[in-house]
Every structure is written in C-alpha cells, then in structure tokens.
Amino acid sequence: MSGGSIDPTINTVPVDTTVDTILLTAPNIDLKGNTTVLSTTPQLWLEETDGVINEKHVLLKQSGGAFTLTAVDDAHSAGSVFFSVARTGTTVNSIDLTATNINVNGILQAGSTANGVELSFNGAGSGMIRPYTNGNNHRSIKIEGLFAGVANANQLVVDYLGNVGIGTIPSNKLHVDGITRVSRQGAATQYAQIELDSSGTKIYCSAASGSLNFGTDGGTTTHFQISPSTSTFYNNLTISNVTPILSLYETDGSADNKNWRMYASSESFNCDITNDAVNASNTWLAVQRTGITIDSIDLSATNINLNGKTKITMASGDTLLLSKPSGANILFERSGVKGYSIDDSAGDLRFLSSGTTERFRINASGNSTFKGDIKISSTTPTLIFNETDAPTDEGNWRILSEAGNLIYQSLSDSGAVSITYMSVAKTGTTIDSIDIAATNINLNGKTNVIGDTINVTTQKTPASATATGTKGDIVHDTNYIYVCTATNVWKRSALVSW
C-alpha cells in the first residue's frame, strides 16, 4: 500500500488466509474490478461521516436468499427495512418497498404474465389491485380488500370499456351498488354537482338553502328543486306514460281523506278520490274528448256549488242537461242562505223558494203554473201570448207597458202589430183614460157607469124608421136621439133647448 492507496496489482487473497475485517479509510476509495463479499450474511455499510447525528446510515444485507436495504440509526442499534427482494433460485418472487411515501416518476410497467400486474397492500386495510378477465376474455382492473371493514369483492372495478363499478361489476359508465354521496368543500357559494351531459344539464346541491336542484346552464337555471320541506317545478311539468297519473297525498289527513288522483286514459281525463289502500275510488270529474274537441264534462258530488257569475255558452242545437236522481234538488243559495231549488215530482219540473214552497211548475204535458205574483221588469215590460196550434192564423197577442200606458195589441204571425185594441193611460195612481177599439164591443150583463157623462163623439141619423138596425142600437144627431126597438125598427125623441 503506498500513498494511502491499495496497490492495484494485489488482487487476490490466499484461500487459506482468513481476514475477519478489512477497514478502508480514505477520502475516496476506488475498487477496480469485481468486488465480492463472502459471508453467511454478507453486509455492506454506507455511513455518512459528516459528524452530525442525523441517522444517515444504510445497511445492505443478504440473508436467507433475501436482499434488503435498511435505514439504520447512528448507534447501529435500530433500523427499518425500506427495500426487500425475495427470491427462489434465480426467480425474484417479490420486491417490497416500505416508506411513508413512495413516488414513481415515469411508467410502472409489469412483464408479460397471465394476470398482468398486481399491487398488494398489507396491514389493517390489506388488499390488492389486480386485473381480472370476464367471461368474454376481456381484461379489467379490480380493487379488492383495500379498505378495512368493507367487503372484499368488487370494491372498485374498471372494465375494458371504461365502465366504472363501485361495489359491483359495472354495466354502465358508472354503476354504484350502495349509498352514493357527492360533496364539495369550500366557500359557502360553492356546491357539489353532477354534470349529466355536455349541454350543461346538472344535478347540484345548493349550499345556501341545502336544497337539491336540477338545472341547466351550468347550474344557473333551476327547473326543479327539492328543499327540506317542499318540491318546486320552475317550468312546465309533463307526465308521459300509457296512463299518466298524478297523485296528491296529504300526510296529515285522517283515514280515507288523503288521496287524490288525476290521470288520462283512452281520450278521457279523470280526477278521483281514493282510499288509503288505493284499491277503491270515486270519480268526481271526467272529461271526454275526441281529438281536440271536448265531448263532455261530468261533475259528480253530493253538492256542486257555483260561486260567482256563471256563464253557459252553447251552439245552436246544443242541450243543457241536468241529470240527477229522482227527488233530488238543484239548489241555488246566496251567502249560505237556502234560496231556490229545482226538483222533479211525478214527472213535473218544480221551482221552489226557501227550498220547500212551490212557485212555478211545468208538468209533463208542457203546461206551466205560477203560484204567487208574476213580475216582469224591463224598460218596456212585455208579455206575449203565442198560439201554436196552427200557422198563419194571426193568433198572437201582446200586453206591454210603454210611456206610462198599458197597451193591449193583436199581432200577426210574423210579430207585427195589427191593431191596438185597448190602451190604459194613467197619471201616478190615477187612471186617466181607457181606450177600446174594435168593430164591435159587447157588454154582456148589467152595465153600471159610475160617472156623470157618457160621450158619443160620432153622430148618426137613420135613413128612415125602418132603416137597418139591431135592437138596442142608440145613435144621435143634432135634433134627435134614435133608439132601435126591434130589428129595423127605429123610434126617435126630439132634442129641445130649455
């Protein structure tokens, strides 16, 4: 050895010479050629000599066919294996790396084996990540037994199509068997969300209200919201099914007073009430259609109340049909006070006041009977009598009140006035005049004229004492009053001044 170096020409040690320890100390030690450490437990120490207690020693050791690297403390009294290689003959069975963190920069590639690469984990949460082959011989990746307290099979599976299964073999892009939770940590304005497609349709949870929202535009437009107490639709709601049904269920209602159901079936729309078991129902509204035409609307109830102005518009030839059981009433009320009703009795249609007093009746023959006063109110109140027994017989009559006069008229079949045969004029409650016009006015029976004057405005003079006349005719002219005492027999009395 010369100058602090080993003579490179010395490269063998006699086989019969035993050297227990060779200690080489130098700033640099260069070993040229193969270096072999022969021992039952060959070891190689790497020690940093910077003089600081910093646990920087490493022991390379081979024992029992296993090669290990151990981090050793400065006192050489304790250490932990961080790299271990086990072998059987020339086959490496396993390589173990143990550290708080293991960083792999680059591609971790396994050789060609039947099952590909398998990563095993030991400890309380022991398990493995390994490939598996399905029935169609397609390779997938499966995680089993990786997490403590979770069933080993199918904790996480990624198949050859990119489908991901959690707790199951996937049949869709994401297939979860069990409870799924989506959460997000951050500011109060942030929320967890699931994006359904590239159009911006999302399911998200609002951090402000704790509600579940279904919306579009990246979560800025909400169409449906489920909050802790209510559910709200912010757009049209469409129910599509062979028999689409909407059910309303009151959770605080009493027995058999909770369920309401609306559904469409065979061109009809129906509203039902159902019992709690939903196996019995009554239809209270039924709407029947043909295409876009409403054929009928049926309301069924013990009482049907129409509050407010009710307008019924019908086309020519339409019929308003009120159908009810015999003896039942159609009741009109005001402010809860029983008013008027319509019922049927022995085939007659009756109109009652106060629910019991008959005011008007139409019998099966079409005859009408009023019981009580009849009042016609209008600017020109009119009552028309129209005989329907034959055409063109001028059988119409009219009574009307106009400008304070009560007028009696005969009408033609077309409704035109043919003659006013009587007119009564009044002032206040005083009758001023009664005018009667007819070819003949007959007074049958004793006639009393209460008053002091009879005025015959038109004078007439019979041509002779045998002129045409009817017994009882009385006429006058300037000089005489003529009386027909028998048919065509006249007598006269002179009028003289006094």
Protein backbone atom coordinates (compact mmCIF):
# COMPACT_ATOMS: atom_id res chain seq x y z
CA MET A 1 0.00 0.00 0.00
CA SER A 2 1.50 3.29 -0.96
CA GLY A 3 0.39 6.89 -0.54
CA GLY A 4 -2.91 5.95 1.16
CA SER A 5 -3.93 3.64 -1.69
CA ILE A 6 -4.10 -0.09 -2.15
CA ASP A 7 -1.74 -1.42 -4.71
CA PRO A 8 -3.88 -2.36 -7.68
CA THR A 9 -1.56 -5.21 -8.54
CA ILE A 10 -2.68 -7.03 -5.43
CA ASN A 11 -6.00 -8.56 -6.49
CA THR A 12 -6.18 -11.90 -4.74
CA VAL A 13 -6.28 -13.17 -1.21
CA PRO A 14 -4.92 -16.63 -0.47
CA VAL A 15 -7.71 -19.04 0.14
CA ASP A 16 -6.07 -20.33 3.31
CA THR A 17 -5.81 -16.87 4.79
CA THR A 18 -8.74 -15.68 6.95
CA VAL A 19 -9.39 -11.97 7.16
CA ASP A 20 -12.02 -11.05 9.72
CA THR A 21 -12.26 -7.37 8.90
CA ILE A 22 -10.88 -5.07 6.30
CA LEU A 23 -11.23 -1.42 7.21
CA LEU A 24 -10.51 1.04 4.45
CA THR A 25 -10.32 4.68 5.42
CA ALA A 26 -9.65 7.37 2.89
CA PRO A 27 -11.30 10.43 1.34
CA ASN A 28 -12.02 8.28 -1.75
CA ILE A 29 -11.77 4.55 -2.19
CA ASP A 30 -11.79 3.22 -5.74
CA LEU A 31 -12.46 -0.50 -6.25
CA LYS A 32 -11.44 -1.66 -9.68
CA GLY A 33 -12.81 -4.92 -10.97
CA ASN A 34 -15.39 -7.23 -9.44
CA THR A 35 -15.90 -6.98 -5.70
CA THR A 36 -17.28 -9.94 -3.85
CA VAL A 37 -18.37 -10.08 -0.26
CA LEU A 38 -18.34 -13.61 1.01
CA SER A 39 -20.19 -14.39 4.26
CA THR A 40 -23.14 -16.34 5.58
CA THR A 41 -24.80 -12.95 5.98
CA PRO A 42 -22.87 -10.61 3.71
CA GLN A 43 -23.33 -6.94 4.56
CA LEU A 44 -22.22 -3.61 3.19
CA TRP A 45 -22.48 -0.45 5.28
CA LEU A 46 -22.87 3.03 3.89
CA GLU A 47 -22.14 5.66 6.54
CA GLU A 48 -22.01 9.43 6.27
CA THR A 49 -19.16 10.84 8.34
CA ASP A 50 -20.14 14.49 8.49
CA GLY A 51 -20.17 14.26 12.29
CA VAL A 52 -23.79 15.20 12.72
CA ILE A 53 -26.21 12.87 14.47
CA ASN A 54 -28.66 12.58 11.66
CA GLU A 55 -29.49 8.90 11.24
CA LYS A 56 -27.95 8.65 7.76
CA HIS A 57 -26.57 5.11 7.76
CA VAL A 58 -27.74 2.44 5.30
CA LEU A 59 -27.09 -1.30 5.56
CA LEU A 60 -27.07 -3.55 2.50
CA LYS A 61 -27.60 -7.11 3.63
CA GLN A 62 -28.28 -10.53 2.22
CA SER A 63 -29.72 -13.26 4.42
CA GLY A 64 -31.65 -16.42 3.64
CA GLY A 65 -31.82 -15.57 -0.05
CA ALA A 66 -33.35 -12.13 0.64
CA PHE A 67 -31.65 -8.88 -0.16
CA THR A 68 -32.55 -5.86 1.99
CA LEU A 69 -31.72 -2.20 2.37
CA THR A 70 -32.13 -0.92 5.91
CA ALA A 71 -32.11 2.64 7.25
CA VAL A 72 -30.02 2.46 10.46
CA ASP A 73 -29.59 4.94 13.29
CA ASP A 74 -26.19 6.44 14.19
CA ALA A 75 -25.72 3.99 17.07
CA HIS A 76 -26.29 0.99 14.81
CA SER A 77 -28.90 -0.18 17.32
CA ALA A 78 -32.15 0.19 15.38
CA GLY A 79 -33.31 0.38 11.77
CA SER A 80 -36.17 -0.27 9.32
CA VAL A 81 -36.09 -2.20 6.07
CA PHE A 82 -37.22 0.03 3.20
CA PHE A 83 -36.28 -2.24 0.28
CA SER A 84 -36.53 -6.01 0.21
CA VAL A 85 -36.10 -8.56 -2.62
CA ALA A 86 -37.11 -12.21 -2.10
CA ARG A 87 -36.04 -14.95 -4.49
CA THR A 88 -36.28 -18.63 -5.16
CA GLY A 89 -33.30 -19.74 -7.16
CA THR A 90 -32.95 -17.31 -10.00
CA THR A 91 -36.60 -16.18 -9.77
CA VAL A 92 -37.41 -12.96 -7.98
CA ASN A 93 -40.62 -13.60 -6.07
CA SER A 94 -41.26 -10.15 -4.70
CA ILE A 95 -39.87 -6.67 -4.34
CA ASP A 96 -41.16 -4.74 -1.33
CA LEU A 97 -40.87 -1.01 -0.86
CA THR A 98 -41.76 0.44 2.54
CA ALA A 99 -41.94 4.18 3.16
CA THR A 100 -44.27 6.95 4.26
CA ASN A 101 -44.48 7.97 0.61
CA ILE A 102 -43.33 6.09 -2.49
CA ASN A 103 -43.02 8.28 -5.56
CA VAL A 104 -42.82 6.72 -9.01
CA ASN A 105 -41.83 9.20 -11.70
CA GLY A 106 -42.42 7.56 -15.06
CA ILE A 107 -44.14 4.42 -16.22
CA LEU A 108 -44.54 1.47 -13.86
CA GLN A 109 -44.60 -1.46 -16.23
CA ALA A 110 -45.07 -5.16 -15.48
CA GLY A 111 -43.75 -8.03 -17.55
CA SER A 112 -45.88 -10.43 -19.54
CA THR A 113 -47.72 -12.67 -17.08
CA ALA A 114 -51.06 -14.42 -17.12
CA ASN A 115 -52.75 -11.80 -14.96
CA GLY A 116 -50.68 -8.68 -15.66
CA VAL A 117 -49.54 -6.53 -12.73
CA GLU A 118 -50.95 -6.97 -9.23
CA LEU A 119 -50.37 -4.49 -6.41
CA SER A 120 -50.84 -5.95 -2.92
CA PHE A 121 -51.24 -3.97 0.31
CA ASN A 122 -50.51 -5.32 3.76
CA GLY A 123 -51.67 -4.11 7.13
CA ALA A 124 -55.02 -3.35 8.76
CA GLY A 125 -56.51 -2.36 5.44
CA SER A 126 -54.81 -5.06 3.41
CA GLY A 127 -55.97 -5.72 -0.11
CA MET A 128 -54.92 -5.67 -3.72
CA ILE A 129 -55.34 -4.01 -7.08
CA ARG A 130 -55.30 -6.68 -9.74
CA PRO A 131 -56.52 -7.41 -13.25
CA TYR A 132 -59.33 -9.86 -13.94
CA THR A 133 -60.77 -11.45 -17.05
CA ASN A 134 -64.52 -11.53 -17.63
CA GLY A 135 -66.48 -14.20 -19.46
CA ASN A 136 -65.65 -12.66 -22.85
CA ASN A 137 -61.90 -12.81 -22.07
CA HIS A 138 -61.68 -9.01 -21.73
CA ARG A 139 -59.20 -7.62 -19.21
CA SER A 140 -60.36 -5.25 -16.45
CA ILE A 141 -58.94 -3.87 -13.22
CA LYS A 142 -60.37 -4.74 -9.82
CA ILE A 143 -59.68 -3.46 -6.29
CA GLU A 144 -60.39 -5.95 -3.51
CA GLY A 145 -59.95 -5.78 0.23
CA LEU A 146 -58.16 -2.46 0.02
CA PHE A 147 -60.23 -0.73 2.67
CA ALA A 148 -60.73 -2.10 6.18
CA GLY A 149 -64.29 -3.00 7.16
CA VAL A 150 -65.51 -3.21 3.54
CA ALA A 151 -66.45 -6.46 1.82
CA ASN A 152 -63.57 -7.65 -0.33
CA ALA A 153 -65.37 -8.34 -3.60
CA ASN A 154 -65.64 -5.58 -6.22
CA GLN A 155 -64.72 -2.55 -4.15
CA LEU A 156 -63.74 -0.79 -7.37
CA VAL A 157 -63.80 -2.22 -10.89
CA VAL A 158 -62.78 -0.55 -14.16
CA ASP A 159 -63.60 -2.71 -17.18
CA TYR A 160 -62.19 -2.71 -20.71
CA LEU A 161 -64.98 -0.36 -21.95
CA GLY A 162 -64.13 2.30 -19.39
CA ASN A 163 -67.15 1.48 -17.22
CA VAL A 164 -66.58 2.01 -13.50
CA GLY A 165 -68.26 -0.11 -10.86
CA ILE A 166 -68.27 0.59 -7.13
CA GLY A 167 -69.36 -2.43 -5.13
CA THR A 168 -70.36 -4.28 -8.30
CA ILE A 169 -69.27 -5.31 -11.79
CA PRO A 170 -70.34 -2.29 -13.93
CA SER A 171 -72.97 -2.44 -16.63
CA ASN A 172 -72.94 1.34 -17.27
CA LYS A 173 -70.37 4.08 -17.34
CA LEU A 174 -70.83 4.50 -13.56
CA HIS A 175 -72.51 1.69 -11.63
CA VAL A 176 -72.77 2.04 -7.85
CA ASP A 177 -74.16 -0.63 -5.53
CA GLY A 178 -74.90 1.16 -2.25
CA ILE A 179 -75.31 4.73 -0.97
CA THR A 180 -73.59 7.40 -3.07
CA ARG A 181 -72.55 10.75 -1.64
CA VAL A 182 -71.35 13.77 -3.62
CA SER A 183 -69.87 16.62 -1.59
CA ARG A 184 -67.65 19.62 -2.05
CA GLN A 185 -65.61 21.56 0.48
CA GLY A 186 -65.08 25.26 0.03
CA ALA A 187 -66.78 28.63 0.27
CA ALA A 188 -70.48 28.95 1.08
CA THR A 189 -71.23 29.81 -2.55
CA GLN A 190 -69.81 26.52 -3.79
CA TYR A 191 -71.90 23.39 -4.18
CA ALA A 192 -71.49 19.75 -5.12
CA GLN A 193 -72.83 18.87 -8.53
CA ILE A 194 -73.09 16.11 -11.11
CA GLU A 195 -72.94 17.11 -14.78
CA LEU A 196 -75.16 14.88 -16.91
CA ASP A 197 -74.13 15.92 -20.41
CA SER A 198 -72.15 18.47 -22.36
CA SER A 199 -75.20 20.74 -22.79
CA GLY A 200 -74.83 21.93 -19.22
CA THR A 201 -77.58 19.85 -17.61
CA LYS A 202 -76.59 19.34 -13.99
CA ILE A 203 -77.77 17.98 -10.67
CA TYR A 204 -76.38 20.11 -7.89
CA CYS A 205 -76.88 20.86 -4.21
CA SER A 206 -77.29 24.49 -3.24
CA ALA A 207 -75.09 25.41 -0.31
CA ALA A 208 -77.29 28.40 0.55
CA SER A 209 -80.58 26.54 1.15
CA GLY A 210 -79.47 22.94 1.42
CA SER A 211 -81.76 22.05 -1.46
CA LEU A 212 -81.27 19.59 -4.30
CA ASN A 213 -81.59 21.31 -7.66
CA PHE A 214 -81.97 20.05 -11.20
CA GLY A 215 -80.95 22.66 -13.72
CA THR A 216 -79.14 23.69 -16.88
CA ASP A 217 -76.66 26.37 -17.94
CA GLY A 218 -74.02 25.10 -15.57
CA GLY A 219 -76.38 25.26 -12.62
CA THR A 220 -77.52 28.87 -13.15
CA THR A 221 -81.07 27.96 -14.27
CA THR A 222 -83.06 25.75 -11.88
CA HIS A 223 -86.01 23.78 -13.30
CA PHE A 224 -86.80 21.53 -10.33
CA GLN A 225 -85.86 21.91 -6.68
CA ILE A 226 -86.26 19.64 -3.65
CA SER A 227 -85.84 21.51 -0.39
CA PRO A 228 -86.15 20.10 3.15
CA SER A 229 -89.89 20.96 3.19
CA THR A 230 -91.13 21.42 -0.40
CA SER A 231 -90.57 20.45 -4.03
CA THR A 232 -90.88 23.13 -6.72
CA PHE A 233 -91.08 22.99 -10.52
CA TYR A 234 -89.89 26.17 -12.25
CA ASN A 235 -91.09 25.20 -15.73
CA ASN A 236 -93.72 23.04 -17.40
CA LEU A 237 -94.27 19.57 -15.93
CA THR A 238 -95.00 16.76 -18.40
CA ILE A 239 -96.00 13.25 -17.31
CA SER A 240 -95.62 10.72 -20.15
CA ASN A 241 -96.91 7.18 -19.78
CA VAL A 242 -99.52 4.84 -21.24
CA THR A 243 -101.77 6.00 -18.38
CA PRO A 244 -100.06 9.10 -16.91
CA ILE A 245 -101.04 9.63 -13.26
CA LEU A 246 -100.51 12.48 -10.79
CA SER A 247 -101.28 11.58 -7.17
CA LEU A 248 -101.68 14.01 -4.27
CA TYR A 249 -101.30 12.56 -0.78
CA GLU A 250 -101.94 14.51 2.42
CA THR A 251 -99.65 13.22 5.13
CA ASP A 252 -101.61 14.91 7.92
CA GLY A 253 -105.10 13.88 6.75
CA SER A 254 -107.36 11.43 8.50
CA ALA A 255 -108.07 7.91 7.25
CA ASP A 256 -109.53 7.75 3.71
CA ASN A 257 -109.39 11.53 3.34
CA LYS A 258 -105.87 11.82 1.99
CA ASN A 259 -105.52 10.62 -1.55
CA TRP A 260 -106.38 12.48 -4.76
CA ARG A 261 -105.53 11.20 -8.22
CA MET A 262 -105.57 12.71 -11.71
CA TYR A 263 -104.94 10.56 -14.76
CA ALA A 264 -105.53 10.34 -18.52
CA SER A 265 -106.78 7.18 -20.21
CA SER A 266 -108.49 6.41 -23.55
CA GLU A 267 -109.08 10.07 -24.51
CA SER A 268 -110.53 10.92 -21.10
CA PHE A 269 -109.14 12.97 -18.22
CA ASN A 270 -110.33 11.93 -14.77
CA CYS A 271 -110.00 13.21 -11.22
CA ASP A 272 -110.57 10.62 -8.48
CA ILE A 273 -110.60 10.33 -4.74
CA THR A 274 -109.11 7.09 -3.46
CA ASN A 275 -108.96 5.29 -0.15
CA ASP A 276 -105.69 4.87 1.77
CA ALA A 277 -105.06 1.44 0.24
CA VAL A 278 -105.61 2.93 -3.25
CA ASN A 279 -107.82 -0.03 -4.18
CA ALA A 280 -111.16 1.86 -4.28
CA SER A 281 -112.01 5.23 -5.82
CA ASN A 282 -114.77 7.60 -6.93
CA THR A 283 -114.51 9.85 -9.99
CA TRP A 284 -115.67 13.41 -9.32
CA LEU A 285 -114.52 14.94 -12.64
CA ALA A 286 -114.48 13.20 -16.03
CA VAL A 287 -113.65 15.00 -19.28
CA GLN A 288 -114.15 13.10 -22.54
CA ARG A 289 -112.61 14.21 -25.82
CA THR A 290 -112.41 13.29 -29.49
CA GLY A 291 -109.26 14.76 -30.94
CA ILE A 292 -109.18 18.39 -29.84
CA THR A 293 -112.96 18.55 -29.24
CA ILE A 294 -114.31 18.24 -25.68
CA ASP A 295 -117.32 15.95 -25.90
CA SER A 296 -118.46 16.03 -22.27
CA ILE A 297 -117.54 17.23 -18.78
CA ASP A 298 -119.12 15.31 -15.90
CA LEU A 299 -119.09 16.53 -12.28
CA SER A 300 -120.25 14.10 -9.57
CA ALA A 301 -120.71 15.18 -5.95
CA THR A 302 -123.28 15.32 -3.18
CA ASN A 303 -123.36 19.10 -3.69
CA ILE A 304 -121.96 21.14 -6.59
CA ASN A 305 -121.64 24.83 -5.67
CA LEU A 306 -121.09 27.56 -8.27
CA ASN A 307 -119.93 30.73 -6.50
CA GLY A 308 -119.95 33.84 -8.67
CA LYS A 309 -121.19 34.65 -12.14
CA THR A 310 -121.75 31.51 -14.19
CA LYS A 311 -121.98 31.73 -17.95
CA ILE A 312 -123.09 28.82 -20.12
CA THR A 313 -122.44 29.27 -23.85
CA MET A 314 -123.93 26.75 -26.27
CA ALA A 315 -124.05 26.46 -30.02
CA SER A 316 -127.28 26.20 -31.95
CA GLY A 317 -128.91 22.82 -31.33
CA ASP A 318 -126.93 22.15 -28.13
CA THR A 319 -128.70 20.92 -24.99
CA LEU A 320 -128.14 21.76 -21.34
CA LEU A 321 -128.86 18.55 -19.45
CA LEU A 322 -129.23 18.47 -15.67
CA SER A 323 -129.29 14.84 -14.64
CA LYS A 324 -129.98 13.77 -11.08
CA PRO A 325 -131.72 11.02 -9.09
CA SER A 326 -135.48 11.29 -8.62
CA GLY A 327 -136.40 13.57 -5.74
CA ALA A 328 -133.02 15.29 -5.60
CA ASN A 329 -132.77 19.09 -5.82
CA ILE A 330 -130.70 21.57 -7.75
CA LEU A 331 -130.21 24.25 -5.09
CA PHE A 332 -129.38 27.94 -5.55
CA GLU A 333 -128.04 29.70 -2.44
CA ARG A 334 -126.85 33.18 -1.58
CA SER A 335 -124.39 33.83 1.24
CA GLY A 336 -125.15 30.42 2.70
CA VAL A 337 -128.91 31.11 2.90
CA LYS A 338 -131.05 28.49 1.22
CA GLY A 339 -132.73 30.13 -1.77
CA TYR A 340 -134.35 28.41 -4.73
CA SER A 341 -134.22 24.84 -5.93
CA ILE A 342 -135.36 22.80 -8.90
CA ASP A 343 -136.67 19.28 -8.46
CA ASP A 344 -138.99 16.84 -10.12
CA SER A 345 -142.20 15.39 -8.70
CA ALA A 346 -144.38 12.90 -10.57
CA GLY A 347 -142.76 13.94 -13.83
CA ASP A 348 -143.29 17.66 -13.19
CA LEU A 349 -140.46 20.19 -13.00
CA ARG A 350 -140.92 22.42 -9.99
CA PHE A 351 -139.23 25.65 -8.91
CA LEU A 352 -139.27 26.14 -5.17
CA SER A 353 -138.44 29.06 -2.90
CA SER A 354 -136.87 28.59 0.54
CA GLY A 355 -136.32 25.01 -0.53
CA THR A 356 -139.96 23.97 0.12
CA THR A 357 -142.53 26.49 -1.28
CA GLU A 358 -143.58 25.82 -4.87
CA ARG A 359 -143.61 28.91 -7.11
CA PHE A 360 -143.67 27.53 -10.63
CA ARG A 361 -144.42 24.15 -12.18
CA ILE A 362 -144.12 22.67 -15.66
CA ASN A 363 -145.98 19.42 -16.00
CA ALA A 364 -145.31 16.54 -18.34
CA SER A 365 -147.83 17.97 -20.87
CA GLY A 366 -145.88 21.24 -21.08
CA ASN A 367 -148.43 23.29 -19.10
CA SER A 368 -146.95 25.86 -16.72
CA THR A 369 -148.43 27.02 -13.44
CA PHE A 370 -147.32 30.03 -11.41
CA LYS A 371 -148.11 30.19 -7.72
CA GLY A 372 -147.73 33.70 -6.44
CA ASP A 373 -147.16 37.02 -8.18
CA ILE A 374 -145.52 37.33 -11.57
CA LYS A 375 -143.38 40.41 -12.15
CA ILE A 376 -141.90 41.47 -15.48
CA SER A 377 -139.24 44.17 -15.14
CA SER A 378 -137.87 46.00 -18.17
CA THR A 379 -137.86 49.43 -19.78
CA THR A 380 -140.77 48.10 -21.86
CA PRO A 381 -142.03 45.04 -19.98
CA THR A 382 -143.89 42.79 -22.39
CA LEU A 383 -145.98 39.64 -22.14
CA ILE A 384 -146.65 37.76 -25.39
CA PHE A 385 -149.24 35.05 -25.97
CA ASN A 386 -148.42 32.89 -28.95
CA GLU A 387 -150.88 30.28 -30.16
CA THR A 388 -149.00 27.32 -31.61
CA ASP A 389 -151.99 25.26 -32.76
CA ALA A 390 -151.86 26.35 -36.41
CA PRO A 391 -149.78 28.54 -38.75
CA THR A 392 -150.89 31.81 -40.36
CA ASP A 393 -153.89 32.29 -38.11
CA GLU A 394 -152.76 35.60 -36.61
CA GLY A 395 -153.12 34.10 -33.16
CA ASN A 396 -150.55 36.23 -31.30
CA TRP A 397 -151.34 38.77 -28.60
CA ARG A 398 -149.16 41.21 -26.69
CA ILE A 399 -149.53 43.23 -23.50
CA LEU A 400 -146.87 45.81 -22.73
CA SER A 401 -146.21 48.86 -20.63
CA GLU A 402 -144.81 51.85 -22.53
CA ALA A 403 -144.51 55.54 -21.57
CA GLY A 404 -146.86 55.00 -18.63
CA ASN A 405 -149.58 53.36 -20.77
CA LEU A 406 -150.75 49.77 -20.57
CA ILE A 407 -151.30 48.62 -24.14
CA TYR A 408 -153.15 45.59 -25.48
CA GLN A 409 -152.37 44.60 -29.04
CA SER A 410 -153.02 41.84 -31.53
CA LEU A 411 -150.03 40.60 -33.56
CA SER A 412 -149.58 38.92 -36.85
CA ASP A 413 -147.78 35.60 -37.05
CA SER A 414 -144.63 37.47 -38.03
CA GLY A 415 -144.86 39.57 -34.85
CA ALA A 416 -146.04 42.81 -36.47
CA VAL A 417 -148.72 44.85 -34.66
CA SER A 418 -152.07 44.59 -36.41
CA ILE A 419 -154.11 46.79 -34.01
CA THR A 420 -154.03 48.29 -30.55
CA TYR A 421 -157.44 47.31 -29.24
CA MET A 422 -157.12 48.77 -25.75
CA SER A 423 -154.94 51.37 -24.11
CA VAL A 424 -155.00 52.49 -20.49
CA ALA A 425 -153.35 55.80 -19.57
CA LYS A 426 -152.57 56.94 -16.04
CA THR A 427 -151.02 59.71 -14.07
CA GLY A 428 -149.48 58.40 -10.87
CA THR A 429 -152.09 56.10 -9.43
CA THR A 430 -155.00 57.76 -11.34
CA ILE A 431 -156.41 56.13 -14.48
CA ASP A 432 -156.87 58.97 -16.95
CA SER A 433 -158.45 57.07 -19.81
CA ILE A 434 -159.27 53.63 -21.19
CA ASP A 435 -159.44 53.47 -24.95
CA ILE A 436 -161.06 50.44 -26.62
CA ALA A 437 -161.10 49.95 -30.37
CA ALA A 438 -162.98 47.16 -32.15
CA THR A 439 -165.56 46.56 -34.81
CA ASN A 440 -167.95 45.54 -32.03
CA ILE A 441 -167.64 45.99 -28.29
CA ASN A 442 -170.08 43.76 -26.42
CA LEU A 443 -171.01 44.31 -22.78
CA ASN A 444 -172.91 41.27 -21.54
CA GLY A 445 -174.87 41.79 -18.37
CA LYS A 446 -175.96 44.78 -16.39
CA THR A 447 -173.61 47.68 -17.04
CA ASN A 448 -173.14 50.40 -14.50
CA VAL A 449 -171.44 53.63 -15.50
CA ILE A 450 -170.11 55.39 -12.46
CA GLY A 451 -169.75 58.98 -13.54
CA ASP A 452 -171.90 61.86 -14.77
CA THR A 453 -171.20 61.87 -18.51
CA ILE A 454 -171.34 59.48 -21.47
CA ASN A 455 -169.75 60.96 -24.60
CA VAL A 456 -170.67 59.53 -28.03
CA THR A 457 -168.42 61.50 -30.31
CA THR A 458 -169.79 60.38 -33.71
CA GLN A 459 -173.31 61.36 -34.83
CA LYS A 460 -175.56 59.08 -36.93
CA THR A 461 -179.04 59.62 -38.47
CA PRO A 462 -181.08 56.53 -39.55
CA ALA A 463 -182.38 56.96 -43.11
CA SER A 464 -185.92 56.12 -42.02
CA ALA A 465 -187.89 54.48 -39.25
CA THR A 466 -187.23 51.14 -40.97
CA ALA A 467 -183.56 51.59 -41.61
CA THR A 468 -181.21 48.72 -40.83
CA GLY A 469 -180.61 48.38 -37.14
CA THR A 470 -180.20 45.95 -34.29
CA LYS A 471 -182.39 46.03 -31.26
CA GLY A 472 -180.69 48.15 -28.64
CA ASP A 473 -178.72 50.41 -31.00
CA ILE A 474 -178.69 54.05 -29.79
CA VAL A 475 -177.46 56.86 -32.03
CA HIS A 476 -177.94 60.63 -32.15
CA ASP A 477 -177.67 63.68 -34.34
CA THR A 478 -178.23 67.38 -33.76
CA ASN A 479 -182.06 67.16 -33.38
CA TYR A 480 -182.92 63.63 -32.20
CA ILE A 481 -181.89 60.57 -30.18
CA TYR A 482 -182.73 57.41 -32.10
CA VAL A 483 -183.37 54.01 -30.46
CA CYS A 484 -183.76 50.73 -32.39
CA THR A 485 -186.51 48.92 -30.51
CA ALA A 486 -186.65 45.89 -32.79
CA THR A 487 -184.83 44.70 -35.81
CA ASN A 488 -185.00 47.54 -38.38
CA VAL A 489 -187.48 49.46 -36.23
CA TRP A 490 -186.42 52.95 -35.05
CA LYS A 491 -188.05 55.46 -32.80
CA ARG A 492 -186.85 58.96 -32.03
CA SER A 493 -187.13 61.66 -29.46
CA ALA A 494 -186.63 65.35 -30.27
CA LEU A 495 -183.91 67.33 -28.58
CA VAL A 496 -185.18 70.73 -27.42
CA SER A 497 -183.47 73.60 -25.67
CA TRP A 498 -184.52 74.91 -22.27
